[in-house]
C-alpha atoms as a PDB file:
ATOM      1  CA  MET A   1      12.790 -17.826 -33.075  1.00  0.00           C
ATOM      2  CA  THR A   2      13.151 -17.613 -29.628  1.00  0.00           C
ATOM      3  CA  THR A   3      11.181 -15.151 -27.304  1.00  0.00           C
ATOM      4  CA  SER A   4      11.396 -14.691 -23.697  1.00  0.00           C
ATOM      5  CA  ALA A   5       9.140 -13.367 -21.443  1.00  0.00           C
ATOM      6  CA  GLN A   6      10.393 -10.614 -19.356  1.00  0.00           C
ATOM      7  CA  PRO A   7       7.781  -9.481 -16.868  1.00  0.00           C
ATOM      8  CA  PHE A   8       9.789  -6.772 -15.115  1.00  0.00           C
ATOM      9  CA  ALA A   9      11.676  -5.434 -18.194  1.00  0.00           C
ATOM     10  CA  THR A  10       9.825  -2.003 -17.464  1.00  0.00           C
ATOM     11  CA  LEU A  11       9.487  -1.923 -14.098  1.00  0.00           C
ATOM     12  CA  SER A  12      11.767   0.071 -12.182  1.00  0.00           C
ATOM     13  CA  PRO A  13      12.652  -1.443  -8.709  1.00  0.00           C
ATOM     14  CA  GLY A  14      13.771   1.737  -6.915  1.00  0.00           C
ATOM     15  CA  TRP A  15      10.683   3.980  -8.144  1.00  0.00           C
ATOM     16  CA  SER A  16       8.428   1.015  -7.496  1.00  0.00           C
ATOM     17  CA  LEU A  17       9.766   0.833  -4.259  1.00  0.00           C
ATOM     18  CA  ALA A  18       9.332   4.536  -3.746  1.00  0.00           C
ATOM     19  CA  LEU A  19       5.455   4.398  -4.799  1.00  0.00           C
ATOM     20  CA  GLY A  20       5.167   1.250  -2.638  1.00  0.00           C
ATOM     21  CA  ILE A  21       6.499   3.145   0.621  1.00  0.00           C
ATOM     22  CA  LEU A  22       4.766   6.311  -0.223  1.00  0.00           C
ATOM     23  CA  LEU A  23       1.330   4.425  -0.754  1.00  0.00           C
ATOM     24  CA  VAL A  24       1.825   2.356   2.496  1.00  0.00           C
ATOM     25  CA  ILE A  25       2.341   6.198   4.119  1.00  0.00           C
ATOM     26  CA  ALA A  26      -0.874   7.527   2.679  1.00  0.00           C
ATOM     27  CA  GLY A  27      -2.959   4.330   3.543  1.00  0.00           C
ATOM     28  CA  ILE A  28      -1.727   5.102   7.063  1.00  0.00           C
ATOM     29  CA  MET A  29      -2.648   8.540   6.871  1.00  0.00           C
ATOM     30  CA  ALA A  30      -5.848   7.519   5.703  1.00  0.00           C
ATOM     31  CA  LEU A  31      -6.173   4.971   9.021  1.00  0.00           C
ATOM     32  CA  VAL A  32      -5.253   7.939  11.265  1.00  0.00           C
ATOM     33  CA  TYR A  33      -7.874  10.582   9.354  1.00  0.00           C
ATOM     34  CA  PRO A  34     -10.648   8.279   8.068  1.00  0.00           C
ATOM     35  CA  VAL A  35     -13.347  10.846   7.473  1.00  0.00           C
ATOM     36  CA  VAL A  36     -10.800  12.929   5.397  1.00  0.00           C
ATOM     37  CA  ALA A  37     -10.101   9.789   3.584  1.00  0.00           C
ATOM     38  CA  SER A  38     -13.562   9.152   2.691  1.00  0.00           C
ATOM     39  CA  ILE A  39     -14.452  12.282   1.735  1.00  0.00           C
ATOM     40  CA  THR A  40     -11.393  12.188  -0.380  1.00  0.00           C
ATOM     41  CA  ALA A  41     -12.878   8.967  -1.903  1.00  0.00           C
ATOM     42  CA  ALA A  42     -16.338  10.222  -2.468  1.00  0.00           C
ATOM     43  CA  LEU A  43     -14.784  13.567  -4.516  1.00  0.00           C
ATOM     44  CA  TYR A  44     -12.328  10.950  -6.375  1.00  0.00           C
ATOM     45  CA  ILE A  45     -15.378   9.152  -7.693  1.00  0.00           C
ATOM     46  CA  GLY A  46     -17.573  12.138  -8.204  1.00  0.00           C
ATOM     47  CA  TRP A  47     -14.560  13.821 -10.470  1.00  0.00           C
ATOM     48  CA  PHE A  48     -14.149  10.508 -12.365  1.00  0.00           C
ATOM     49  CA  ALA A  49     -17.890  10.066 -12.717  1.00  0.00           C
ATOM     50  CA  LEU A  50     -17.846  13.699 -14.092  1.00  0.00           C
ATOM     51  CA  VAL A  51     -14.948  13.065 -16.614  1.00  0.00           C
ATOM     52  CA  ALA A  52     -16.997   9.646 -17.744  1.00  0.00           C
ATOM     53  CA  GLY A  53     -20.068  11.511 -18.346  1.00  0.00           C
ATOM     54  CA  VAL A  54     -18.588  14.437 -20.511  1.00  0.00           C
ATOM     55  CA  ILE A  55     -16.426  11.563 -22.430  1.00  0.00           C
ATOM     56  CA  ALA A  56     -19.532   9.400 -22.939  1.00  0.00           C
ATOM     57  CA  VAL A  57     -22.009  12.373 -24.049  1.00  0.00           C
ATOM     58  CA  THR A  58     -19.140  13.638 -26.306  1.00  0.00           C
ATOM     59  CA  VAL A  59     -18.878   9.843 -27.765  1.00  0.00           C
ATOM     60  CA  ALA A  60     -22.609   9.500 -28.289  1.00  0.00           C
ATOM     61  CA  ILE A  61     -22.765  13.021 -29.698  1.00  0.00           C
ATOM     62  CA  ARG A  62     -19.974  12.209 -32.278  1.00  0.00           C
ATOM     63  CA  THR A  63     -21.667   8.825 -33.394  1.00  0.00           C
ATOM     64  CA  ARG A  64     -25.151   9.752 -33.216  1.00  0.00           C
ATOM     65  CA  ALA A  65     -25.966   8.302 -36.392  1.00  0.00           C
ATOM     66  CA  GLU A  66     -24.921   4.924 -34.655  1.00  0.00           C
ATOM     67  CA  PRO A  67     -28.005   2.916 -33.043  1.00  0.00           C
ATOM     68  CA  ASP A  68     -28.863   3.293 -29.304  1.00  0.00           C
ATOM     69  CA  PHE A  69     -28.022   7.352 -29.539  1.00  0.00           C
ATOM     70  CA  GLY A  70     -30.617   8.166 -27.311  1.00  0.00           C
ATOM     71  CA  TRP A  71     -29.588   5.496 -24.234  1.00  0.00           C
ATOM     72  CA  ARG A  72     -26.007   6.372 -24.800  1.00  0.00           C
ATOM     73  CA  VAL A  73     -26.492  10.091 -24.255  1.00  0.00           C
ATOM     74  CA  ALA A  74     -28.702   9.074 -21.223  1.00  0.00           C
ATOM     75  CA  MET A  75     -26.007   7.107 -19.949  1.00  0.00           C
ATOM     76  CA  GLY A  76     -23.337  10.026 -20.136  1.00  0.00           C
ATOM     77  CA  LEU A  77     -26.099  12.164 -18.530  1.00  0.00           C
ATOM     78  CA  VAL A  78     -26.576   9.816 -15.369  1.00  0.00           C
ATOM     79  CA  TYR A  79     -22.902   9.737 -15.441  1.00  0.00           C
ATOM     80  CA  LEU A  80     -22.778  13.463 -15.064  1.00  0.00           C
ATOM     81  CA  GLY A  81     -25.740  14.112 -12.556  1.00  0.00           C
ATOM     82  CA  LEU A  82     -24.048  11.363 -10.360  1.00  0.00           C
ATOM     83  CA  GLY A  83     -20.739  13.052 -10.281  1.00  0.00           C
ATOM     84  CA  PHE A  84     -21.993  16.166  -9.918  1.00  0.00           C
ATOM     85  CA  LEU A  85     -24.080  14.937  -6.826  1.00  0.00           C
ATOM     86  CA  LEU A  86     -20.987  13.625  -5.260  1.00  0.00           C
ATOM     87  CA  VAL A  87     -18.789  16.309  -5.791  1.00  0.00           C
ATOM     88  CA  THR A  88     -21.164  18.873  -4.462  1.00  0.00           C
ATOM     89  CA  ASN A  89     -22.076  16.871  -1.236  1.00  0.00           C
ATOM     90  CA  PRO A  90     -18.937  14.683  -0.587  1.00  0.00           C
ATOM     91  CA  ILE A  91     -19.690  13.980   2.813  1.00  0.00           C
ATOM     92  CA  ALA A  92     -23.291  12.450   1.847  1.00  0.00           C
ATOM     93  CA  ALA A  93     -21.733  10.668  -0.953  1.00  0.00           C
ATOM     94  CA  ALA A  94     -19.353   8.824   1.499  1.00  0.00           C
ATOM     95  CA  ALA A  95     -22.397   8.349   4.171  1.00  0.00           C
ATOM     96  CA  SER A  96     -23.867   6.542   1.011  1.00  0.00           C
ATOM     97  CA  LEU A  97     -20.935   4.691  -0.224  1.00  0.00           C
ATOM     98  CA  ALA A  98     -21.375   2.874   3.291  1.00  0.00           C
ATOM     99  CA  LEU A  99     -24.880   1.985   2.764  1.00  0.00           C
ATOM    100  CA  LEU A 100     -23.808   0.689  -0.256  1.00  0.00           C
ATOM    101  CA  VAL A 101     -21.327  -1.281   1.402  1.00  0.00           C
ATOM    102  CA  GLY A 102     -23.743  -2.489   3.774  1.00  0.00           C
ATOM    103  CA  ALA A 103     -26.378  -3.531   1.602  1.00  0.00           C
ATOM    104  CA  LEU A 104     -24.063  -5.465  -0.540  1.00  0.00           C
ATOM    105  CA  MET A 105     -22.789  -7.416   2.302  1.00  0.00           C
ATOM    106  CA  VAL A 106     -26.094  -8.172   3.608  1.00  0.00           C
ATOM    107  CA  ALA A 107     -27.251  -9.309   0.167  1.00  0.00           C
ATOM    108  CA  SER A 108     -23.973 -11.587  -0.155  1.00  0.00           C
ATOM    109  CA  GLY A 109     -24.437 -12.959   3.244  1.00  0.00           C
ATOM    110  CA  VAL A 110     -27.922 -13.958   2.694  1.00  0.00           C
ATOM    111  CA  VAL A 111     -27.042 -15.684  -0.940  1.00  0.00           C
ATOM    112  CA  GLU A 112     -24.226 -17.174   1.023  1.00  0.00           C
ATOM    113  CA  LEU A 113     -26.281 -18.535   4.071  1.00  0.00           C
ATOM    114  CA  MET A 114     -28.574 -20.434   1.771  1.00  0.00           C
ATOM    115  CA  LEU A 115     -25.341 -22.146  -0.038  1.00  0.00           C
ATOM    116  CA  ALA A 116     -23.939 -23.038   3.461  1.00  0.00           C
ATOM    117  CA  PHE A 117     -27.158 -24.491   4.355  1.00  0.00           C
ATOM    118  CA  ARG A 118     -26.920 -26.153   0.908  1.00  0.00           C
ATOM    119  CA  MET A 119     -23.518 -27.618   1.532  1.00  0.00           C
ATOM    120  CA  LYS A 120     -24.606 -28.743   5.135  1.00  0.00           C
ATOM    121  CA  PRO A 121     -23.549 -32.250   5.124  1.00  0.00           C
ATOM    122  CA  ARG A 122     -19.971 -31.339   3.439  1.00  0.00           C
ATOM    123  CA  ALA A 123     -16.981 -30.831   5.050  1.00  0.00           C
ATOM    124  CA  GLY A 124     -16.075 -27.152   5.470  1.00  0.00           C
ATOM    125  CA  TRP A 125     -19.787 -25.624   5.425  1.00  0.00           C
ATOM    126  CA  GLY A 126     -19.474 -24.367   9.020  1.00  0.00           C
ATOM    127  CA  TRP A 127     -16.772 -21.867   7.817  1.00  0.00           C
ATOM    128  CA  LEU A 128     -18.960 -20.677   5.266  1.00  0.00           C
ATOM    129  CA  LEU A 129     -21.683 -20.247   7.531  1.00  0.00           C
ATOM    130  CA  ALA A 130     -19.438 -18.266   9.945  1.00  0.00           C
ATOM    131  CA  ASN A 131     -18.482 -16.180   7.246  1.00  0.00           C
ATOM    132  CA  ASP A 132     -21.953 -15.537   6.049  1.00  0.00           C
ATOM    133  CA  ILE A 133     -23.007 -14.375   9.846  1.00  0.00           C
ATOM    134  CA  LEU A 134     -20.343 -12.263   9.956  1.00  0.00           C
ATOM    135  CA  SER A 135     -21.079 -10.324   6.984  1.00  0.00           C
ATOM    136  CA  ILE A 136     -24.549  -9.826   8.257  1.00  0.00           C
ATOM    137  CA  VAL A 137     -23.509  -8.787  11.517  1.00  0.00           C
ATOM    138  CA  LEU A 138     -20.955  -6.490   9.950  1.00  0.00           C
ATOM    139  CA  ALA A 139     -23.862  -5.032   7.484  1.00  0.00           C
ATOM    140  CA  ILE A 140     -25.748  -4.250  10.835  1.00  0.00           C
ATOM    141  CA  MET A 141     -22.859  -2.580  12.407  1.00  0.00           C
ATOM    142  CA  ILE A 142     -22.663  -0.405   9.068  1.00  0.00           C
ATOM    143  CA  ALA A 143     -26.505   0.432   9.539  1.00  0.00           C
ATOM    144  CA  VAL A 144     -26.457   1.188  13.315  1.00  0.00           C
ATOM    145  CA  GLY A 145     -23.758   3.608  12.895  1.00  0.00           C
ATOM    146  CA  TRP A 146     -25.158   5.127   9.986  1.00  0.00           C
ATOM    147  CA  PRO A 147     -24.139   7.821   8.869  1.00  0.00           C
ATOM    148  CA  MET A 148     -21.303   9.479  11.162  1.00  0.00           C
ATOM    149  CA  GLY A 149     -19.792   5.797  11.601  1.00  0.00           C
ATOM    150  CA  SER A 150     -19.977   5.315   7.912  1.00  0.00           C
ATOM    151  CA  LEU A 151     -17.663   8.030   7.336  1.00  0.00           C
ATOM    152  CA  VAL A 152     -14.926   6.480   9.187  1.00  0.00           C
ATOM    153  CA  LEU A 153     -15.702   2.575   7.685  1.00  0.00           C
ATOM    154  CA  ILE A 154     -15.036   3.923   4.190  1.00  0.00           C
ATOM    155  CA  GLY A 155     -12.096   5.758   5.306  1.00  0.00           C
ATOM    156  CA  TYR A 156     -10.648   2.708   7.164  1.00  0.00           C
ATOM    157  CA  LEU A 157     -11.820   0.655   3.775  1.00  0.00           C
ATOM    158  CA  VAL A 158     -10.063   2.969   1.652  1.00  0.00           C
ATOM    159  CA  GLY A 159      -6.694   2.790   4.044  1.00  0.00           C
ATOM    160  CA  PHE A 160      -6.768  -0.618   4.269  1.00  0.00           C
ATOM    161  CA  GLN A 161      -6.802  -0.569   0.261  1.00  0.00           C
ATOM    162  CA  ILE A 162      -4.041   1.956  -0.110  1.00  0.00           C
ATOM    163  CA  ILE A 163      -1.755  -0.270   2.251  1.00  0.00           C
ATOM    164  CA  THR A 164      -2.253  -3.374   0.478  1.00  0.00           C
ATOM    165  CA  CYS A 165      -1.685  -1.794  -2.542  1.00  0.00           C
ATOM    166  CA  GLY A 166       1.742  -0.341  -1.493  1.00  0.00           C
ATOM    167  CA  ILE A 167       2.675  -3.755   0.261  1.00  0.00           C
ATOM    168  CA  ALA A 168       2.097  -5.454  -3.273  1.00  0.00           C
ATOM    169  CA  ARG A 169       4.148  -2.655  -5.042  1.00  0.00           C
ATOM    170  CA  ILE A 170       6.757  -2.799  -2.345  1.00  0.00           C
ATOM    171  CA  ALA A 171       7.079  -6.856  -2.915  1.00  0.00           C
ATOM    172  CA  LEU A 172       7.138  -6.498  -6.922  1.00  0.00           C
ATOM    173  CA  SER A 173       9.980  -4.353  -6.480  1.00  0.00           C
ATOM    174  CA  MET A 174      12.011  -6.593  -4.136  1.00  0.00           C
ATOM    175  CA  ALA A 175      11.064  -9.544  -6.499  1.00  0.00           C
ATOM    176  CA  ALA A 176      12.144  -7.033  -9.746  1.00  0.00           C
ATOM    177  CA  SER A 177      15.613  -6.221  -8.059  1.00  0.00           C
ATOM    178  CA  LYS A 178      16.456 -10.170  -7.138  1.00  0.00           C
ATOM    179  CA  SER A 179      15.711 -11.352 -10.379  1.00  0.00           C
ATOM    180  CA  PRO A 180      18.351 -11.984 -12.652  1.00  0.00           C
ATOM    181  CA  ALA A 181      18.919  -9.977 -15.786  1.00  0.00           C
ATOM    182  CA  SER A 182      17.642 -11.825 -18.764  1.00  0.00           C
ATOM    183  CA  PRO A 183      20.270 -12.269 -21.459  1.00  0.00           C
ATOM    184  CA  ALA A 184      19.504 -10.357 -24.854  1.00  0.00           C
ATOM    185  CA  ASN A 185      18.369 -13.123 -27.349  1.00  0.00           C
END
């Protein structure tokens, strides 16, 4: 019995290309209007958390005879509370997301800084050190520009993410349209 892998069997190159182009356009719009993109991202996360909370509480109630019922209900309520806060105040939510990004950059920068000094005699340790210093400097810039600068930052991050998703979709579409049709076995 012979099987062949067909990675693009269900991928429509035309629709994938159209989606990729629309994603790139949407990403550019997010870069042009970063504050709107930040608020939209916060609303998206908020609604996702609300839906996840409803699902988590529903599943917990339906399976209440199983262990850890209280913890599962509590987790669902946390999702609901977080979603409610994000949806009712998306500007503060977007600013908070920027602070979280900055805190993560500082934390990873400090940890990798220690790693860089531990690697000091090895070749390439300077690149790690430069990356760590850049991460910490960018985190400081986020903190200094907070809260208004953070709205722009999150919008730019969202825009660049959407653009890279669009470019990846376009590349997959191009690869799918260039791949020869596999013969049926």
